[in-house]
Amino acid sequence: MADKTVDARGLSCPQPVLMVIQSLKEMRQGTIEVLVDTETSRENVARAASMEGWRVSKEEDTGQGYKILLEK
């Protein structure tokens, strides 16, 4: 279970990335579950998290979008 969930479904980039970066900086460590609904958002969120020193520990295609688990 994640420490925090960022639900960015229905939002276009860069909004999901900005929401995730804000959460990464607030938490500094732990697990964050991110919900997005496009492949582009999934890629951009994973890339931004990596640049902030977080890693993608799990990605899941939910059929209606993607669930990304970030850890640090």
Foldseek 3Di string as FASTA:
>chain_A
DWPEEAECEPHDPPVQLVSLVVVCVVVVFTKYKYWYQDPVSVVSNQVSCVVVVKHFPDWDQPVRTIITMIGD
